[in-house]
Amino acid sequence: MVLAIYGAGGLGREVLELAKIINKKEKLWDSFIFIVDGADSKKVKWH
């Protein structure tokens, strides 16, 4: 299953970090994606 996070700003990145912590304890998601709308959308890098 894929977890889609709406928004890739500060809050979206915090949600990603929390999801990774949860995923370590109980594998719920196979991958994560950000959904970003607007003309200024660009690729988001994370570690």
C-alpha atoms as a PDB file:
ATOM      1  CA  MET A   1       0.000   0.000   0.000  1.00  0.00           C
ATOM      2  CA  VAL A   2       1.163   3.536  -0.737  1.00  0.00           C
ATOM      3  CA  LEU A   3       0.766   6.400   1.722  1.00  0.00           C
ATOM      4  CA  ALA A   4       0.000   9.643  -0.124  1.00  0.00           C
ATOM      5  CA  ILE A   5       0.780  12.817   1.818  1.00  0.00           C
ATOM      6  CA  TYR A   6      -0.915  15.977   0.588  1.00  0.00           C
ATOM      7  CA  GLY A   7       1.597  18.819   0.626  1.00  0.00           C
ATOM      8  CA  ALA A   8       5.392  18.643   0.707  1.00  0.00           C
ATOM      9  CA  GLY A   9       6.056  21.612   2.958  1.00  0.00           C
ATOM     10  CA  GLY A  10       7.100  21.460   6.580  1.00  0.00           C
ATOM     11  CA  LEU A  11       4.013  19.655   7.843  1.00  0.00           C
ATOM     12  CA  GLY A  12       4.063  17.125   4.997  1.00  0.00           C
ATOM     13  CA  ARG A  13       7.692  16.288   5.739  1.00  0.00           C
ATOM     14  CA  GLU A  14       6.915  15.869   9.436  1.00  0.00           C
ATOM     15  CA  VAL A  15       4.090  13.487   8.525  1.00  0.00           C
ATOM     16  CA  LEU A  16       6.564  11.527   6.400  1.00  0.00           C
ATOM     17  CA  GLU A  17       8.993  11.202   9.315  1.00  0.00           C
ATOM     18  CA  LEU A  18       6.210  10.005  11.633  1.00  0.00           C
ATOM     19  CA  ALA A  19       5.013   7.527   9.013  1.00  0.00           C
ATOM     20  CA  LYS A  20       8.551   6.133   8.718  1.00  0.00           C
ATOM     21  CA  ILE A  21       8.703   5.633  12.504  1.00  0.00           C
ATOM     22  CA  ILE A  22       5.331   3.876  12.492  1.00  0.00           C
ATOM     23  CA  ASN A  23       6.416   1.767   9.518  1.00  0.00           C
ATOM     24  CA  LYS A  24       9.485   0.500  11.405  1.00  0.00           C
ATOM     25  CA  LYS A  25       7.260  -0.910  14.166  1.00  0.00           C
ATOM     26  CA  GLU A  26       4.465  -2.203  11.968  1.00  0.00           C
ATOM     27  CA  LYS A  27       4.939  -2.388   8.190  1.00  0.00           C
ATOM     28  CA  LEU A  28       1.842  -0.614   6.874  1.00  0.00           C
ATOM     29  CA  TRP A  29       3.121   1.081   3.712  1.00  0.00           C
ATOM     30  CA  ASP A  30       5.356  -0.054   0.863  1.00  0.00           C
ATOM     31  CA  SER A  31       6.132   3.478  -0.273  1.00  0.00           C
ATOM     32  CA  PHE A  32       5.352   7.140   0.305  1.00  0.00           C
ATOM     33  CA  ILE A  33       4.434   9.863  -2.159  1.00  0.00           C
ATOM     34  CA  PHE A  34       3.693  13.558  -1.870  1.00  0.00           C
ATOM     35  CA  ILE A  35       0.743  15.099  -3.671  1.00  0.00           C
ATOM     36  CA  VAL A  36       1.444  18.737  -4.509  1.00  0.00           C
ATOM     37  CA  ASP A  37      -0.833  20.970  -6.504  1.00  0.00           C
ATOM     38  CA  GLY A  38      -0.135  24.294  -8.109  1.00  0.00           C
ATOM     39  CA  ALA A  39       2.072  25.596 -10.885  1.00  0.00           C
ATOM     40  CA  ASP A  40       5.125  25.858  -8.610  1.00  0.00           C
ATOM     41  CA  SER A  41       5.258  22.108  -8.011  1.00  0.00           C
ATOM     42  CA  LYS A  42       8.722  20.554  -8.207  1.00  0.00           C
ATOM     43  CA  LYS A  43      10.486  17.375  -7.193  1.00  0.00           C
ATOM     44  CA  VAL A  44      10.976  16.948  -3.459  1.00  0.00           C
ATOM     45  CA  LYS A  45      14.095  15.332  -2.041  1.00  0.00           C
ATOM     46  CA  TRP A  46      14.230  13.608   1.306  1.00  0.00           C
ATOM     47  CA  HIS A  47      16.572  11.176   3.012  1.00  0.00           C
END
